[in-house]
Amino acid sequence: MVDPKLLTTGFEVTAEDLQHTPLRVQRLLIYLRGRIQILEAENVRLKKASGDSGNEIKAELH
């Protein structure tokens, strides 16, 4: 069984949801989650390299 925590990104996926999901779709979700994690890590790396702490963006949102 696929660990549902591997598949969540802005939406909830439960084990019950996956029971009726084709295996190829489960594999696609895992692949996409992995790609998202890579992109998130790259985004953090680029922010650190540019000296952007992200505080400026947060200040604008409040």
C-alpha atoms as a PDB file:
ATOM      1  CA  MET A   1       0.000   0.000   0.000  1.00  0.00           C
ATOM      2  CA  VAL A   2       1.162   3.523  -0.749  1.00  0.00           C
ATOM      3  CA  ASP A   3       1.776   5.836   2.196  1.00  0.00           C
ATOM      4  CA  PRO A   4      -0.802   8.644   1.772  1.00  0.00           C
ATOM      5  CA  LYS A   5       1.569  11.185   3.351  1.00  0.00           C
ATOM      6  CA  LEU A   6       3.765  10.870   0.272  1.00  0.00           C
ATOM      7  CA  LEU A   7       0.959  12.123  -1.899  1.00  0.00           C
ATOM      8  CA  THR A   8      -0.328  15.190  -0.090  1.00  0.00           C
ATOM      9  CA  THR A   9       0.433  18.596  -1.415  1.00  0.00           C
ATOM     10  CA  GLY A  10      -2.364  21.047  -0.919  1.00  0.00           C
ATOM     11  CA  PHE A  11      -4.938  18.257  -0.901  1.00  0.00           C
ATOM     12  CA  GLU A  12      -5.646  15.257   1.271  1.00  0.00           C
ATOM     13  CA  VAL A  13      -5.321  11.711  -0.008  1.00  0.00           C
ATOM     14  CA  THR A  14      -6.432   8.939   2.300  1.00  0.00           C
ATOM     15  CA  ALA A  15      -5.771   5.218   2.173  1.00  0.00           C
ATOM     16  CA  GLU A  16      -9.476   4.752   1.406  1.00  0.00           C
ATOM     17  CA  ASP A  17      -9.140   7.018  -1.641  1.00  0.00           C
ATOM     18  CA  LEU A  18      -6.246   4.945  -2.903  1.00  0.00           C
ATOM     19  CA  GLN A  19      -8.096   1.636  -2.585  1.00  0.00           C
ATOM     20  CA  HIS A  20     -10.085   2.505  -5.695  1.00  0.00           C
ATOM     21  CA  THR A  21      -7.274   4.280  -7.536  1.00  0.00           C
ATOM     22  CA  PRO A  22      -5.504   2.416 -10.344  1.00  0.00           C
ATOM     23  CA  LEU A  23      -1.876   1.555  -9.596  1.00  0.00           C
ATOM     24  CA  ARG A  24      -0.616   3.662 -12.512  1.00  0.00           C
ATOM     25  CA  VAL A  25      -2.375   6.721 -11.042  1.00  0.00           C
ATOM     26  CA  GLN A  26      -0.835   6.008  -7.617  1.00  0.00           C
ATOM     27  CA  ARG A  27       2.595   5.842  -9.243  1.00  0.00           C
ATOM     28  CA  LEU A  28       1.935   9.100 -11.108  1.00  0.00           C
ATOM     29  CA  LEU A  29       0.949  10.836  -7.852  1.00  0.00           C
ATOM     30  CA  ILE A  30       4.141   9.603  -6.160  1.00  0.00           C
ATOM     31  CA  TYR A  31       6.239  10.766  -9.118  1.00  0.00           C
ATOM     32  CA  LEU A  32       4.577  14.198  -9.132  1.00  0.00           C
ATOM     33  CA  ARG A  33       5.019  14.574  -5.366  1.00  0.00           C
ATOM     34  CA  GLY A  34       8.714  13.774  -5.797  1.00  0.00           C
ATOM     35  CA  ARG A  35       9.034  16.397  -8.540  1.00  0.00           C
ATOM     36  CA  ILE A  36       7.275  18.958  -6.346  1.00  0.00           C
ATOM     37  CA  GLN A  37       9.704  18.230  -3.491  1.00  0.00           C
ATOM     38  CA  ILE A  38      12.655  18.710  -5.860  1.00  0.00           C
ATOM     39  CA  LEU A  39      11.234  22.016  -7.100  1.00  0.00           C
ATOM     40  CA  GLU A  40      10.545  23.208  -3.548  1.00  0.00           C
ATOM     41  CA  ALA A  41      14.122  22.379  -2.533  1.00  0.00           C
ATOM     42  CA  GLU A  42      15.480  24.201  -5.589  1.00  0.00           C
ATOM     43  CA  ASN A  43      13.312  27.216  -4.757  1.00  0.00           C
ATOM     44  CA  VAL A  44      14.727  27.321  -1.208  1.00  0.00           C
ATOM     45  CA  ARG A  45      18.263  26.986  -2.569  1.00  0.00           C
ATOM     46  CA  LEU A  46      17.742  29.838  -5.021  1.00  0.00           C
ATOM     47  CA  LYS A  47      16.223  32.066  -2.334  1.00  0.00           C
ATOM     48  CA  LYS A  48      19.227  31.433  -0.070  1.00  0.00           C
ATOM     49  CA  ALA A  49      21.643  32.102  -2.922  1.00  0.00           C
ATOM     50  CA  SER A  50      19.924  35.395  -3.732  1.00  0.00           C
ATOM     51  CA  GLY A  51      19.743  36.424  -0.083  1.00  0.00           C
ATOM     52  CA  ASP A  52      15.946  36.505  -0.166  1.00  0.00           C
ATOM     53  CA  SER A  53      14.574  35.481   3.209  1.00  0.00           C
ATOM     54  CA  GLY A  54      10.988  35.677   2.010  1.00  0.00           C
ATOM     55  CA  ASN A  55      10.179  38.258   4.704  1.00  0.00           C
ATOM     56  CA  GLU A  56       9.492  40.949   2.136  1.00  0.00           C
ATOM     57  CA  ILE A  57       6.750  38.860   0.556  1.00  0.00           C
ATOM     58  CA  LYS A  58       5.203  37.975   3.930  1.00  0.00           C
ATOM     59  CA  ALA A  59       5.196  41.642   4.943  1.00  0.00           C
ATOM     60  CA  GLU A  60       3.249  42.515   1.794  1.00  0.00           C
ATOM     61  CA  LEU A  61       0.643  39.855   2.472  1.00  0.00           C
ATOM     62  CA  HIS A  62      -0.244  41.148   5.960  1.00  0.00           C
END
